[in-house]
Amino acid sequence: MPTIKFYNVKSRKSVEVDVSKVEKVMLKNGRPAAQTMDPETGTKMFKILSAADAALLK
């Protein structure tokens, strides 16, 4: 399964999350973004998606 890399601000580390656990959202200005929960700490993480990452979530 493909993964997307998020940065957890609370624990200050990068986290790889499986694509099936990521929710795709759209910002008010039309840019694609993603949000998920950190599997280790349960912290909510948010990321503005690149074109490559957005293609994984379609």
PDB file of N, CA and C in Angstrom:
ATOM      1  N   MET A   1       0.839  -1.189   0.000  1.00  0.00           N
ATOM      2  CA  MET A   1       0.000   0.000   0.000  1.00  0.00           C
ATOM      3  C   MET A   1       0.880   1.247   0.000  1.00  0.00           C
ATOM      4  N   PRO A   2       0.498   2.247  -0.759  1.00  0.00           N
ATOM      5  CA  PRO A   2       1.257   3.498  -0.746  1.00  0.00           C
ATOM      6  C   PRO A   2       1.027   4.271   0.556  1.00  0.00           C
ATOM      7  N   THR A   3       1.995   5.102   0.900  1.00  0.00           N
ATOM      8  CA  THR A   3       1.905   5.902   2.118  1.00  0.00           C
ATOM      9  C   THR A   3       2.158   7.366   1.794  1.00  0.00           C
ATOM     10  N   ILE A   4       1.705   8.229   2.688  1.00  0.00           N
ATOM     11  CA  ILE A   4       1.955   9.664   2.582  1.00  0.00           C
ATOM     12  C   ILE A   4       2.686  10.100   3.841  1.00  0.00           C
ATOM     13  N   LYS A   5       3.692  10.942   3.670  1.00  0.00           N
ATOM     14  CA  LYS A   5       4.483  11.401   4.805  1.00  0.00           C
ATOM     15  C   LYS A   5       3.878  12.686   5.376  1.00  0.00           C
ATOM     16  N   PHE A   6       3.577  12.665   6.672  1.00  0.00           N
ATOM     17  CA  PHE A   6       3.083  13.822   7.418  1.00  0.00           C
ATOM     18  C   PHE A   6       4.134  14.215   8.440  1.00  0.00           C
ATOM     19  N   TYR A   7       4.032  15.444   8.953  1.00  0.00           N
ATOM     20  CA  TYR A   7       4.912  15.890  10.037  1.00  0.00           C
ATOM     21  C   TYR A   7       4.054  16.137  11.263  1.00  0.00           C
ATOM     22  N   ASN A   8       4.368  15.448  12.361  1.00  0.00           N
ATOM     23  CA  ASN A   8       3.657  15.626  13.614  1.00  0.00           C
ATOM     24  C   ASN A   8       4.363  16.724  14.405  1.00  0.00           C
ATOM     25  N   VAL A   9       3.696  17.850  14.589  1.00  0.00           N
ATOM     26  CA  VAL A   9       4.286  18.999  15.268  1.00  0.00           C
ATOM     27  C   VAL A   9       4.467  18.707  16.756  1.00  0.00           C
ATOM     28  N   LYS A  10       3.531  18.000  17.346  1.00  0.00           N
ATOM     29  CA  LYS A  10       3.590  17.735  18.783  1.00  0.00           C
ATOM     30  C   LYS A  10       4.783  16.862  19.159  1.00  0.00           C
ATOM     31  N   SER A  11       5.031  15.799  18.405  1.00  0.00           N
ATOM     32  CA  SER A  11       6.153  14.917  18.708  1.00  0.00           C
ATOM     33  C   SER A  11       7.408  15.252  17.904  1.00  0.00           C
ATOM     34  N   ARG A  12       7.306  16.249  16.994  1.00  0.00           N
ATOM     35  CA  ARG A  12       8.442  16.731  16.197  1.00  0.00           C
ATOM     36  C   ARG A  12       9.125  15.629  15.393  1.00  0.00           C
ATOM     37  N   LYS A  13       8.323  14.868  14.648  1.00  0.00           N
ATOM     38  CA  LYS A  13       8.902  13.838  13.785  1.00  0.00           C
ATOM     39  C   LYS A  13       7.999  13.588  12.584  1.00  0.00           C
ATOM     40  N   SER A  14       8.580  13.025  11.549  1.00  0.00           N
ATOM     41  CA  SER A  14       7.831  12.663  10.354  1.00  0.00           C
ATOM     42  C   SER A  14       7.182  11.302  10.562  1.00  0.00           C
ATOM     43  N   VAL A  15       5.962  11.160  10.056  1.00  0.00           N
ATOM     44  CA  VAL A  15       5.197   9.932  10.230  1.00  0.00           C
ATOM     45  C   VAL A  15       4.669   9.497   8.870  1.00  0.00           C
ATOM     46  N   GLU A  16       4.862   8.233   8.532  1.00  0.00           N
ATOM     47  CA  GLU A  16       4.309   7.663   7.308  1.00  0.00           C
ATOM     48  C   GLU A  16       2.946   7.055   7.642  1.00  0.00           C
ATOM     49  N   VAL A  17       1.900   7.475   6.893  1.00  0.00           N
ATOM     50  CA  VAL A  17       0.540   7.001   7.148  1.00  0.00           C
ATOM     51  C   VAL A  17       0.021   6.338   5.881  1.00  0.00           C
ATOM     52  N   ASP A  18      -0.638   5.197   6.040  1.00  0.00           N
ATOM     53  CA  ASP A  18      -1.231   4.472   4.924  1.00  0.00           C
ATOM     54  C   ASP A  18      -2.327   5.317   4.269  1.00  0.00           C
ATOM     55  N   VAL A  19      -2.400   5.288   2.953  1.00  0.00           N
ATOM     56  CA  VAL A  19      -3.345   6.106   2.186  1.00  0.00           C
ATOM     57  C   VAL A  19      -4.793   5.795   2.574  1.00  0.00           C
ATOM     58  N   SER A  20      -5.088   4.581   2.966  1.00  0.00           N
ATOM     59  CA  SER A  20      -6.457   4.219   3.314  1.00  0.00           C
ATOM     60  C   SER A  20      -6.947   4.918   4.583  1.00  0.00           C
ATOM     61  N   LYS A  21      -6.044   5.443   5.404  1.00  0.00           N
ATOM     62  CA  LYS A  21      -6.413   6.116   6.649  1.00  0.00           C
ATOM     63  C   LYS A  21      -6.383   7.630   6.531  1.00  0.00           C
ATOM     64  N   VAL A  22      -6.201   8.148   5.309  1.00  0.00           N
ATOM     65  CA  VAL A  22      -6.095   9.586   5.081  1.00  0.00           C
ATOM     66  C   VAL A  22      -7.394  10.104   4.474  1.00  0.00           C
ATOM     67  N   GLU A  23      -7.877  11.226   4.986  1.00  0.00           N
ATOM     68  CA  GLU A  23      -9.089  11.859   4.458  1.00  0.00           C
ATOM     69  C   GLU A  23      -8.683  13.064   3.618  1.00  0.00           C
ATOM     70  N   LYS A  24      -9.156  13.106   2.374  1.00  0.00           N
ATOM     71  CA  LYS A  24      -8.849  14.228   1.488  1.00  0.00           C
ATOM     72  C   LYS A  24      -9.870  15.337   1.710  1.00  0.00           C
ATOM     73  N   VAL A  25      -9.386  16.574   1.887  1.00  0.00           N
ATOM     74  CA  VAL A  25     -10.249  17.741   2.069  1.00  0.00           C
ATOM     75  C   VAL A  25      -9.829  18.813   1.073  1.00  0.00           C
ATOM     76  N   MET A  26     -10.713  19.779   0.838  1.00  0.00           N
ATOM     77  CA  MET A  26     -10.419  20.873  -0.075  1.00  0.00           C
ATOM     78  C   MET A  26     -10.418  22.175   0.723  1.00  0.00           C
ATOM     79  N   LEU A  27      -9.362  22.969   0.576  1.00  0.00           N
ATOM     80  CA  LEU A  27      -9.290  24.255   1.250  1.00  0.00           C
ATOM     81  C   LEU A  27     -10.216  25.264   0.568  1.00  0.00           C
ATOM     82  N   LYS A  28     -10.481  26.383   1.233  1.00  0.00           N
ATOM     83  CA  LYS A  28     -11.376  27.401   0.669  1.00  0.00           C
ATOM     84  C   LYS A  28     -10.853  27.958  -0.647  1.00  0.00           C
ATOM     85  N   ASN A  29      -9.515  28.005  -0.809  1.00  0.00           N
ATOM     86  CA  ASN A  29      -8.948  28.537  -2.042  1.00  0.00           C
ATOM     87  C   ASN A  29      -8.836  27.481  -3.145  1.00  0.00           C
ATOM     88  N   GLY A  30      -9.335  26.249  -2.895  1.00  0.00           N
ATOM     89  CA  GLY A  30      -9.360  25.226  -3.926  1.00  0.00           C
ATOM     90  C   GLY A  30      -8.187  24.271  -3.930  1.00  0.00           C
ATOM     91  N   ARG A  31      -7.239  24.440  -3.028  1.00  0.00           N
ATOM     92  CA  ARG A  31      -6.087  23.542  -2.989  1.00  0.00           C
ATOM     93  C   ARG A  31      -6.441  22.245  -2.264  1.00  0.00           C
ATOM     94  N   PRO A  32      -5.921  21.118  -2.750  1.00  0.00           N
ATOM     95  CA  PRO A  32      -6.194  19.856  -2.062  1.00  0.00           C
ATOM     96  C   PRO A  32      -5.333  19.725  -0.807  1.00  0.00           C
ATOM     97  N   ALA A  33      -5.904  19.132   0.223  1.00  0.00           N
ATOM     98  CA  ALA A  33      -5.193  18.913   1.471  1.00  0.00           C
ATOM     99  C   ALA A  33      -5.622  17.559   2.032  1.00  0.00           C
ATOM    100  N   ALA A  34      -4.929  17.105   3.067  1.00  0.00           N
ATOM    101  CA  ALA A  34      -5.242  15.826   3.682  1.00  0.00           C
ATOM    102  C   ALA A  34      -5.141  15.956   5.186  1.00  0.00           C
ATOM    103  N   GLN A  35      -5.971  15.192   5.878  1.00  0.00           N
ATOM    104  CA  GLN A  35      -5.867  15.147   7.323  1.00  0.00           C
ATOM    105  C   GLN A  35      -6.003  13.711   7.783  1.00  0.00           C
ATOM    106  N   THR A  36      -5.341  13.391   8.899  1.00  0.00           N
ATOM    107  CA  THR A  36      -5.350  12.043   9.442  1.00  0.00           C
ATOM    108  C   THR A  36      -4.987  12.105  10.916  1.00  0.00           C
ATOM    109  N   MET A  37      -5.030  10.956  11.570  1.00  0.00           N
ATOM    110  CA  MET A  37      -4.622  10.846  12.958  1.00  0.00           C
ATOM    111  C   MET A  37      -3.300  10.086  13.007  1.00  0.00           C
ATOM    112  N   ASP A  38      -2.400  10.530  13.894  1.00  0.00           N
ATOM    113  CA  ASP A  38      -1.133   9.832  14.082  1.00  0.00           C
ATOM    114  C   ASP A  38      -1.428   8.480  14.735  1.00  0.00           C
ATOM    115  N   PRO A  39      -0.969   7.373  14.133  1.00  0.00           N
ATOM    116  CA  PRO A  39      -1.267   6.062  14.702  1.00  0.00           C
ATOM    117  C   PRO A  39      -0.632   5.831  16.079  1.00  0.00           C
ATOM    118  N   GLU A  40       0.460   6.516  16.387  1.00  0.00           N
ATOM    119  CA  GLU A  40       1.144   6.304  17.666  1.00  0.00           C
ATOM    120  C   GLU A  40       0.552   7.152  18.787  1.00  0.00           C
ATOM    121  N   THR A  41       0.324   8.461  18.525  1.00  0.00           N
ATOM    122  CA  THR A  41      -0.103   9.364  19.595  1.00  0.00           C
ATOM    123  C   THR A  41      -1.568   9.765  19.513  1.00  0.00           C
ATOM    124  N   GLY A  42      -2.236   9.556  18.384  1.00  0.00           N
ATOM    125  CA  GLY A  42      -3.621   9.949  18.227  1.00  0.00           C
ATOM    126  C   GLY A  42      -3.806  11.426  17.931  1.00  0.00           C
ATOM    127  N   THR A  43      -2.714  12.137  17.630  1.00  0.00           N
ATOM    128  CA  THR A  43      -2.752  13.555  17.321  1.00  0.00           C
ATOM    129  C   THR A  43      -3.242  13.766  15.892  1.00  0.00           C
ATOM    130  N   LYS A  44      -4.067  14.799  15.691  1.00  0.00           N
ATOM    131  CA  LYS A  44      -4.568  15.125  14.360  1.00  0.00           C
ATOM    132  C   LYS A  44      -3.451  15.810  13.567  1.00  0.00           C
ATOM    133  N   MET A  45      -3.236  15.356  12.321  1.00  0.00           N
ATOM    134  CA  MET A  45      -2.209  15.935  11.456  1.00  0.00           C
ATOM    135  C   MET A  45      -2.868  16.439  10.179  1.00  0.00           C
ATOM    136  N   PHE A  46      -2.290  17.489   9.592  1.00  0.00           N
ATOM    137  CA  PHE A  46      -2.836  18.150   8.415  1.00  0.00           C
ATOM    138  C   PHE A  46      -1.694  18.439   7.451  1.00  0.00           C
ATOM    139  N   LYS A  47      -1.963  18.307   6.156  1.00  0.00           N
ATOM    140  CA  LYS A  47      -0.925  18.560   5.146  1.00  0.00           C
ATOM    141  C   LYS A  47      -1.571  19.088   3.875  1.00  0.00           C
ATOM    142  N   ILE A  48      -0.975  20.157   3.297  1.00  0.00           N
ATOM    143  CA  ILE A  48      -1.362  20.613   1.961  1.00  0.00           C
ATOM    144  C   ILE A  48      -0.670  19.690   0.970  1.00  0.00           C
ATOM    145  N   LEU A  49      -1.430  19.116   0.060  1.00  0.00           N
ATOM    146  CA  LEU A  49      -0.903  18.056  -0.802  1.00  0.00           C
ATOM    147  C   LEU A  49      -0.166  18.584  -2.019  1.00  0.00           C
ATOM    148  N   SER A  50       0.885  17.866  -2.388  1.00  0.00           N
ATOM    149  CA  SER A  50       1.550  18.098  -3.659  1.00  0.00           C
ATOM    150  C   SER A  50       0.740  17.399  -4.750  1.00  0.00           C
ATOM    151  N   ALA A  51       1.073  17.645  -5.983  1.00  0.00           N
ATOM    152  CA  ALA A  51       0.357  17.007  -7.095  1.00  0.00           C
ATOM    153  C   ALA A  51       0.506  15.497  -7.052  1.00  0.00           C
ATOM    154  N   ALA A  52       1.690  15.020  -6.682  1.00  0.00           N
ATOM    155  CA  ALA A  52       1.934  13.568  -6.614  1.00  0.00           C
ATOM    156  C   ALA A  52       1.117  12.925  -5.494  1.00  0.00           C
ATOM    157  N   ASP A  53       1.072  13.569  -4.312  1.00  0.00           N
ATOM    158  CA  ASP A  53       0.297  13.022  -3.209  1.00  0.00           C
ATOM    159  C   ASP A  53      -1.203  13.076  -3.494  1.00  0.00           C
ATOM    160  N   ALA A  54      -1.664  14.137  -4.159  1.00  0.00           N
ATOM    161  CA  ALA A  54      -3.085  14.260  -4.500  1.00  0.00           C
ATOM    162  C   ALA A  54      -3.498  13.155  -5.468  1.00  0.00           C
ATOM    163  N   ALA A  55      -2.601  12.750  -6.354  1.00  0.00           N
ATOM    164  CA  ALA A  55      -2.907  11.691  -7.310  1.00  0.00           C
ATOM    165  C   ALA A  55      -3.065  10.341  -6.596  1.00  0.00           C
ATOM    166  N   LEU A  56      -2.361  10.144  -5.469  1.00  0.00           N
ATOM    167  CA  LEU A  56      -2.481   8.893  -4.710  1.00  0.00           C
ATOM    168  C   LEU A  56      -3.859   8.755  -4.070  1.00  0.00           C
ATOM    169  N   LEU A  57      -4.473   9.879  -3.711  1.00  0.00           N
ATOM    170  CA  LEU A  57      -5.743   9.851  -2.986  1.00  0.00           C
ATOM    171  C   LEU A  57      -6.965   9.843  -3.882  1.00  0.00           C
ATOM    172  N   LYS A  58      -6.804   9.907  -5.182  1.00  0.00           N
ATOM    173  CA  LYS A  58      -7.973   9.924  -6.088  1.00  0.00           C
ATOM    174  C   LYS A  58      -8.583   8.566  -6.201  1.00  0.00           C
TER     175      LYS A  58
END
